Amino acid sequence: MTEIKFSKEELIKIKEVYQGIMSYASIGLFFRSGEIIGDIISRDVPRDTYFEKIGEILKEKGWVESIEFGENDVKVKGSAEVHESTGPTCHMLRGIIRKVYERYYGTIVNVDEEKCESKGDPYCLFVISKMG
């Protein structure tokens, strides 16, 4: 598979264009884009090393500097989507995390970003809740 790379600056500028045109609706597009990425990267990952391997992939692809998966939460430092903001900004990563956990648990999950480095928090914290 051919891969392409965006710099963090390019990603943020692209997101700004979408937000300028679509305002709040763009968040849904970023989230859905992340779900597609999460679905693809988690597709063939063995269950016995699942979260370890997903973490390696996300670091290798530059989405995060570090990531800690818990049963009901994910702690991230250095998300590619972090930039100065008054609210959470890691919408694509939230979508990735959702699909990763849905594949693992085999059920629909909700993912909320309760802390974000963009707001000045020391890390991003995503809380997972099972829906089904």
N, C-alpha and C. Protein backbone atom coordinates (compact mmCIF):
# COMPACT_ATOMS: atom_id res chain seq x y z
N MET A 1 0.85 -1.17 0.00
CA MET A 1 0.00 0.00 0.00
C MET A 1 0.90 1.24 0.00
N THR A 2 0.59 2.17 -0.87
CA THR A 2 1.31 3.43 -0.89
C THR A 2 0.84 4.30 0.26
N GLU A 3 1.78 4.93 0.95
CA GLU A 3 1.43 5.82 2.06
C GLU A 3 1.90 7.23 1.73
N ILE A 4 1.14 8.19 2.21
CA ILE A 4 1.52 9.59 2.08
C ILE A 4 1.67 10.17 3.48
N LYS A 5 2.39 11.26 3.59
CA LYS A 5 2.57 11.89 4.89
C LYS A 5 2.20 13.36 4.81
N PHE A 6 1.60 13.85 5.89
CA PHE A 6 1.34 15.27 6.07
C PHE A 6 2.17 15.72 7.25
N SER A 7 2.68 16.92 7.19
CA SER A 7 3.31 17.47 8.39
C SER A 7 2.18 17.93 9.32
N LYS A 8 2.53 18.12 10.57
CA LYS A 8 1.54 18.62 11.53
C LYS A 8 1.01 19.97 11.06
N GLU A 9 1.89 20.82 10.58
CA GLU A 9 1.47 22.14 10.09
C GLU A 9 0.48 22.01 8.94
N GLU A 10 0.76 21.09 8.01
CA GLU A 10 -0.16 20.88 6.88
C GLU A 10 -1.52 20.39 7.36
N LEU A 11 -1.50 19.43 8.29
CA LEU A 11 -2.76 18.90 8.82
C LEU A 11 -3.58 20.00 9.48
N ILE A 12 -2.96 20.81 10.31
CA ILE A 12 -3.67 21.88 11.01
C ILE A 12 -4.21 22.90 10.01
N LYS A 13 -3.43 23.25 9.00
CA LYS A 13 -3.89 24.21 7.98
C LYS A 13 -5.07 23.66 7.19
N ILE A 14 -5.04 22.38 6.86
CA ILE A 14 -6.16 21.74 6.16
C ILE A 14 -7.40 21.77 7.04
N LYS A 15 -7.24 21.45 8.31
CA LYS A 15 -8.37 21.48 9.24
C LYS A 15 -8.94 22.90 9.35
N GLU A 16 -8.07 23.90 9.36
CA GLU A 16 -8.53 25.30 9.43
C GLU A 16 -9.37 25.67 8.22
N VAL A 17 -8.99 25.19 7.03
CA VAL A 17 -9.77 25.45 5.83
C VAL A 17 -11.17 24.86 5.97
N TYR A 18 -11.25 23.60 6.39
CA TYR A 18 -12.56 22.95 6.58
C TYR A 18 -13.39 23.70 7.62
N GLN A 19 -12.76 24.06 8.72
CA GLN A 19 -13.49 24.77 9.78
C GLN A 19 -13.97 26.14 9.30
N GLY A 20 -13.17 26.80 8.47
CA GLY A 20 -13.57 28.10 7.95
C GLY A 20 -14.77 28.01 7.02
N ILE A 21 -14.89 26.92 6.31
CA ILE A 21 -16.00 26.73 5.37
C ILE A 21 -17.22 26.13 6.07
N MET A 22 -16.98 25.13 6.93
CA MET A 22 -18.07 24.35 7.48
C MET A 22 -18.34 24.58 8.96
N SER A 23 -17.50 25.34 9.63
CA SER A 23 -17.65 25.60 11.06
C SER A 23 -17.71 24.30 11.85
N TYR A 24 -18.67 24.19 12.75
CA TYR A 24 -18.77 23.06 13.67
C TYR A 24 -18.98 21.72 12.95
N ALA A 25 -19.62 21.75 11.77
CA ALA A 25 -19.88 20.51 11.03
C ALA A 25 -18.58 19.81 10.62
N SER A 26 -17.50 20.56 10.51
CA SER A 26 -16.23 19.95 10.11
C SER A 26 -15.74 18.94 11.14
N ILE A 27 -16.10 19.12 12.39
CA ILE A 27 -15.68 18.18 13.44
C ILE A 27 -16.15 16.77 13.10
N GLY A 28 -17.37 16.65 12.60
CA GLY A 28 -17.89 15.35 12.20
C GLY A 28 -17.10 14.73 11.07
N LEU A 29 -16.66 15.54 10.13
CA LEU A 29 -15.84 15.02 9.03
C LEU A 29 -14.49 14.54 9.53
N PHE A 30 -13.88 15.29 10.43
CA PHE A 30 -12.60 14.86 10.99
C PHE A 30 -12.76 13.55 11.75
N PHE A 31 -13.82 13.46 12.55
CA PHE A 31 -14.11 12.25 13.33
C PHE A 31 -14.30 11.05 12.43
N ARG A 32 -15.13 11.21 11.39
CA ARG A 32 -15.39 10.10 10.46
C ARG A 32 -14.13 9.69 9.70
N SER A 33 -13.29 10.68 9.35
CA SER A 33 -12.02 10.38 8.69
C SER A 33 -11.15 9.53 9.62
N GLY A 34 -11.13 9.88 10.89
CA GLY A 34 -10.39 9.09 11.87
C GLY A 34 -10.92 7.68 11.99
N GLU A 35 -12.24 7.53 11.94
CA GLU A 35 -12.82 6.19 12.02
C GLU A 35 -12.34 5.31 10.86
N ILE A 36 -12.24 5.90 9.68
CA ILE A 36 -11.76 5.14 8.52
C ILE A 36 -10.32 4.68 8.76
N ILE A 37 -9.49 5.59 9.23
CA ILE A 37 -8.10 5.25 9.52
C ILE A 37 -8.03 4.17 10.60
N GLY A 38 -8.79 4.33 11.67
CA GLY A 38 -8.79 3.35 12.76
C GLY A 38 -9.24 1.99 12.31
N ASP A 39 -10.24 1.94 11.44
CA ASP A 39 -10.73 0.68 10.92
C ASP A 39 -9.65 -0.04 10.12
N ILE A 40 -8.94 0.72 9.30
CA ILE A 40 -7.90 0.12 8.45
C ILE A 40 -6.70 -0.33 9.27
N ILE A 41 -6.21 0.50 10.19
CA ILE A 41 -4.99 0.12 10.91
C ILE A 41 -5.21 -1.01 11.91
N SER A 42 -6.46 -1.21 12.33
CA SER A 42 -6.72 -2.27 13.32
C SER A 42 -7.21 -3.57 12.69
N ARG A 43 -7.36 -3.57 11.40
CA ARG A 43 -7.98 -4.69 10.68
C ARG A 43 -7.33 -6.04 10.95
N ASP A 44 -6.03 -6.14 10.84
CA ASP A 44 -5.36 -7.45 10.93
C ASP A 44 -4.44 -7.57 12.13
N VAL A 45 -4.71 -6.81 13.18
CA VAL A 45 -3.84 -6.82 14.35
C VAL A 45 -4.25 -7.97 15.28
N PRO A 46 -3.29 -8.84 15.66
CA PRO A 46 -3.62 -9.97 16.54
C PRO A 46 -4.08 -9.50 17.91
N ARG A 47 -5.04 -10.21 18.46
CA ARG A 47 -5.65 -9.83 19.74
C ARG A 47 -4.65 -9.87 20.90
N ASP A 48 -3.72 -10.80 20.88
CA ASP A 48 -2.81 -10.95 22.01
C ASP A 48 -1.82 -9.79 22.15
N THR A 49 -1.58 -9.03 21.07
CA THR A 49 -0.69 -7.86 21.13
C THR A 49 -1.41 -6.63 20.57
N TYR A 50 -2.72 -6.64 20.64
CA TYR A 50 -3.56 -5.65 19.95
C TYR A 50 -3.20 -4.20 20.30
N PHE A 51 -3.32 -3.82 21.54
CA PHE A 51 -3.10 -2.42 21.91
C PHE A 51 -1.63 -2.03 21.79
N GLU A 52 -0.73 -2.94 22.07
CA GLU A 52 0.69 -2.66 21.90
C GLU A 52 1.00 -2.35 20.42
N LYS A 53 0.47 -3.18 19.53
CA LYS A 53 0.71 -3.00 18.10
C LYS A 53 0.04 -1.73 17.58
N ILE A 54 -1.19 -1.46 18.02
CA ILE A 54 -1.88 -0.23 17.60
C ILE A 54 -1.07 0.98 18.04
N GLY A 55 -0.56 0.96 19.26
CA GLY A 55 0.27 2.06 19.75
C GLY A 55 1.51 2.26 18.88
N GLU A 56 2.15 1.17 18.49
CA GLU A 56 3.32 1.25 17.62
C GLU A 56 2.96 1.87 16.27
N ILE A 57 1.84 1.46 15.71
CA ILE A 57 1.40 1.99 14.42
C ILE A 57 1.13 3.49 14.52
N LEU A 58 0.41 3.90 15.57
CA LEU A 58 0.08 5.33 15.72
C LEU A 58 1.33 6.18 15.93
N LYS A 59 2.31 5.65 16.65
CA LYS A 59 3.56 6.39 16.83
C LYS A 59 4.34 6.43 15.51
N GLU A 60 4.42 5.30 14.84
CA GLU A 60 5.14 5.21 13.57
C GLU A 60 4.56 6.16 12.52
N LYS A 61 3.25 6.28 12.49
CA LYS A 61 2.58 7.14 11.52
C LYS A 61 2.56 8.61 11.95
N GLY A 62 3.02 8.90 13.16
CA GLY A 62 3.12 10.27 13.62
C GLY A 62 1.87 10.84 14.24
N TRP A 63 0.88 10.00 14.53
CA TRP A 63 -0.35 10.49 15.16
C TRP A 63 -0.14 10.89 16.60
N VAL A 64 0.76 10.18 17.29
CA VAL A 64 1.01 10.45 18.71
C VAL A 64 2.50 10.28 19.01
N GLU A 65 2.95 10.94 20.09
CA GLU A 65 4.31 10.70 20.59
C GLU A 65 4.29 9.54 21.57
N SER A 66 3.25 9.49 22.42
CA SER A 66 3.08 8.36 23.33
C SER A 66 1.58 8.13 23.53
N ILE A 67 1.25 6.88 23.83
CA ILE A 67 -0.15 6.52 24.03
C ILE A 67 -0.24 5.37 25.03
N GLU A 68 -1.19 5.49 25.96
CA GLU A 68 -1.43 4.45 26.96
C GLU A 68 -2.89 4.04 26.87
N PHE A 69 -3.13 2.78 26.51
CA PHE A 69 -4.48 2.26 26.40
C PHE A 69 -4.91 1.65 27.73
N GLY A 70 -6.06 2.04 28.22
CA GLY A 70 -6.66 1.43 29.39
C GLY A 70 -7.96 0.76 28.98
N GLU A 71 -8.60 0.11 29.93
CA GLU A 71 -9.86 -0.56 29.62
C GLU A 71 -10.93 0.45 29.20
N ASN A 72 -10.96 1.60 29.87
CA ASN A 72 -12.00 2.59 29.60
C ASN A 72 -11.46 3.98 29.27
N ASP A 73 -10.16 4.08 29.04
CA ASP A 73 -9.62 5.39 28.67
C ASP A 73 -8.30 5.24 27.92
N VAL A 74 -7.92 6.33 27.27
CA VAL A 74 -6.67 6.37 26.52
C VAL A 74 -6.00 7.71 26.85
N LYS A 75 -4.74 7.63 27.23
CA LYS A 75 -3.97 8.84 27.57
C LYS A 75 -2.92 9.04 26.47
N VAL A 76 -2.92 10.25 25.90
CA VAL A 76 -2.05 10.55 24.76
C VAL A 76 -1.23 11.80 25.04
N LYS A 77 0.02 11.74 24.65
CA LYS A 77 0.87 12.94 24.65
C LYS A 77 1.36 13.14 23.22
N GLY A 78 1.37 14.40 22.81
CA GLY A 78 1.92 14.73 21.50
C GLY A 78 1.05 14.34 20.32
N SER A 79 -0.25 14.52 20.42
CA SER A 79 -1.14 14.25 19.28
C SER A 79 -0.79 15.18 18.13
N ALA A 80 -0.83 14.66 16.93
CA ALA A 80 -0.56 15.47 15.73
C ALA A 80 -1.57 16.60 15.56
N GLU A 81 -2.72 16.49 16.21
CA GLU A 81 -3.78 17.49 16.05
C GLU A 81 -3.72 18.61 17.09
N VAL A 82 -2.77 18.55 18.01
CA VAL A 82 -2.71 19.56 19.07
C VAL A 82 -2.22 20.89 18.52
N HIS A 83 -2.98 21.92 18.83
CA HIS A 83 -2.60 23.30 18.57
C HIS A 83 -3.40 24.17 19.53
N GLU A 84 -2.96 25.38 19.75
CA GLU A 84 -3.61 26.23 20.74
C GLU A 84 -5.09 26.42 20.44
N SER A 85 -5.93 26.15 21.45
CA SER A 85 -7.37 26.23 21.27
C SER A 85 -8.04 26.31 22.64
N THR A 86 -9.29 26.71 22.64
CA THR A 86 -10.05 26.74 23.89
C THR A 86 -10.83 25.46 24.12
N GLY A 87 -10.85 24.58 23.12
CA GLY A 87 -11.57 23.31 23.23
C GLY A 87 -10.74 22.16 22.70
N PRO A 88 -11.23 20.94 22.85
CA PRO A 88 -10.52 19.77 22.33
C PRO A 88 -10.37 19.87 20.80
N THR A 89 -9.25 19.38 20.29
CA THR A 89 -8.99 19.47 18.86
C THR A 89 -8.68 18.13 18.20
N CYS A 90 -8.59 17.06 18.96
CA CYS A 90 -8.12 15.78 18.43
C CYS A 90 -9.28 14.92 17.91
N HIS A 91 -10.02 15.46 16.97
CA HIS A 91 -11.22 14.79 16.47
C HIS A 91 -10.90 13.57 15.61
N MET A 92 -9.86 13.66 14.79
CA MET A 92 -9.49 12.50 13.98
C MET A 92 -8.97 11.37 14.88
N LEU A 93 -8.14 11.73 15.85
CA LEU A 93 -7.63 10.72 16.78
C LEU A 93 -8.77 10.09 17.58
N ARG A 94 -9.77 10.87 17.93
CA ARG A 94 -10.93 10.34 18.65
C ARG A 94 -11.64 9.30 17.78
N GLY A 95 -11.75 9.56 16.48
CA GLY A 95 -12.35 8.59 15.56
C GLY A 95 -11.51 7.34 15.42
N ILE A 96 -10.20 7.50 15.36
CA ILE A 96 -9.30 6.35 15.29
C ILE A 96 -9.50 5.47 16.52
N ILE A 97 -9.48 6.10 17.69
CA ILE A 97 -9.63 5.37 18.95
C ILE A 97 -10.97 4.65 19.00
N ARG A 98 -12.01 5.30 18.53
CA ARG A 98 -13.32 4.65 18.54
C ARG A 98 -13.29 3.34 17.76
N LYS A 99 -12.78 3.37 16.54
CA LYS A 99 -12.77 2.14 15.72
C LYS A 99 -11.85 1.07 16.31
N VAL A 100 -10.74 1.50 16.89
CA VAL A 100 -9.81 0.55 17.52
C VAL A 100 -10.52 -0.19 18.65
N TYR A 101 -11.26 0.53 19.48
CA TYR A 101 -11.96 -0.10 20.61
C TYR A 101 -13.19 -0.88 20.13
N GLU A 102 -13.88 -0.41 19.12
CA GLU A 102 -15.03 -1.18 18.62
C GLU A 102 -14.58 -2.53 18.07
N ARG A 103 -13.46 -2.55 17.37
CA ARG A 103 -12.96 -3.82 16.85
C ARG A 103 -12.56 -4.73 18.01
N TYR A 104 -11.92 -4.18 19.03
CA TYR A 104 -11.47 -4.99 20.16
C TYR A 104 -12.64 -5.55 20.96
N TYR A 105 -13.60 -4.69 21.29
CA TYR A 105 -14.73 -5.11 22.12
C TYR A 105 -15.86 -5.77 21.33
N GLY A 106 -15.90 -5.56 20.03
CA GLY A 106 -16.96 -6.14 19.21
C GLY A 106 -18.31 -5.48 19.46
N THR A 107 -18.30 -4.23 19.89
CA THR A 107 -19.55 -3.50 20.14
C THR A 107 -19.31 -2.02 19.88
N ILE A 108 -20.37 -1.27 19.78
CA ILE A 108 -20.28 0.17 19.55
C ILE A 108 -19.81 0.85 20.83
N VAL A 109 -18.89 1.79 20.68
CA VAL A 109 -18.41 2.56 21.82
C VAL A 109 -18.53 4.06 21.52
N ASN A 110 -18.60 4.83 22.56
CA ASN A 110 -18.54 6.29 22.46
C ASN A 110 -17.19 6.72 23.01
N VAL A 111 -16.60 7.73 22.39
CA VAL A 111 -15.31 8.24 22.84
C VAL A 111 -15.43 9.75 23.03
N ASP A 112 -15.14 10.21 24.23
CA ASP A 112 -15.14 11.64 24.54
C ASP A 112 -13.72 12.06 24.88
N GLU A 113 -13.30 13.21 24.35
CA GLU A 113 -12.00 13.77 24.72
C GLU A 113 -12.22 14.71 25.89
N GLU A 114 -11.89 14.25 27.08
CA GLU A 114 -12.17 15.02 28.29
C GLU A 114 -11.04 15.97 28.67
N LYS A 115 -9.83 15.68 28.24
CA LYS A 115 -8.69 16.58 28.43
C LYS A 115 -7.99 16.69 27.08
N CYS A 116 -7.38 17.86 26.83
CA CYS A 116 -6.67 18.05 25.56
C CYS A 116 -5.50 18.99 25.77
N GLU A 117 -4.36 18.60 25.25
CA GLU A 117 -3.17 19.45 25.33
C GLU A 117 -3.42 20.80 24.65
N SER A 118 -4.32 20.84 23.68
CA SER A 118 -4.63 22.10 23.00
C SER A 118 -5.19 23.14 23.96
N LYS A 119 -5.87 22.67 25.01
CA LYS A 119 -6.45 23.58 26.01
C LYS A 119 -5.49 23.88 27.14
N GLY A 120 -4.29 23.31 27.09
CA GLY A 120 -3.32 23.52 28.15
C GLY A 120 -3.23 22.36 29.13
N ASP A 121 -4.03 21.31 28.92
CA ASP A 121 -3.94 20.13 29.78
C ASP A 121 -2.59 19.44 29.54
N PRO A 122 -2.08 18.70 30.53
CA PRO A 122 -0.77 18.06 30.37
C PRO A 122 -0.77 16.89 29.37
N TYR A 123 -1.94 16.39 29.02
CA TYR A 123 -2.09 15.29 28.07
C TYR A 123 -3.53 15.29 27.57
N CYS A 124 -3.78 14.51 26.54
CA CYS A 124 -5.16 14.32 26.05
C CYS A 124 -5.69 13.04 26.70
N LEU A 125 -6.91 13.09 27.16
CA LEU A 125 -7.54 11.94 27.78
C LEU A 125 -8.86 11.64 27.07
N PHE A 126 -8.94 10.45 26.52
CA PHE A 126 -10.14 9.99 25.83
C PHE A 126 -10.82 8.94 26.70
N VAL A 127 -12.10 9.14 26.99
CA VAL A 127 -12.85 8.22 27.83
C VAL A 127 -13.75 7.37 26.94
N ILE A 128 -13.68 6.05 27.15
CA ILE A 128 -14.42 5.09 26.33
C ILE A 128 -15.61 4.58 27.12
N SER A 129 -16.77 4.58 26.50
CA SER A 129 -17.95 3.95 27.12
C SER A 129 -18.63 3.07 26.09
N LYS A 130 -18.95 1.84 26.51
CA LYS A 130 -19.63 0.89 25.62
C LYS A 130 -21.08 1.27 25.47
N MET A 131 -21.56 1.21 24.24
CA MET A 131 -22.95 1.57 23.94
C MET A 131 -23.84 0.34 23.84
N GLY A 132 -23.26 -0.77 23.48
CA GLY A 132 -24.07 -1.97 23.23
C GLY A 132 -23.73 -3.10 24.12
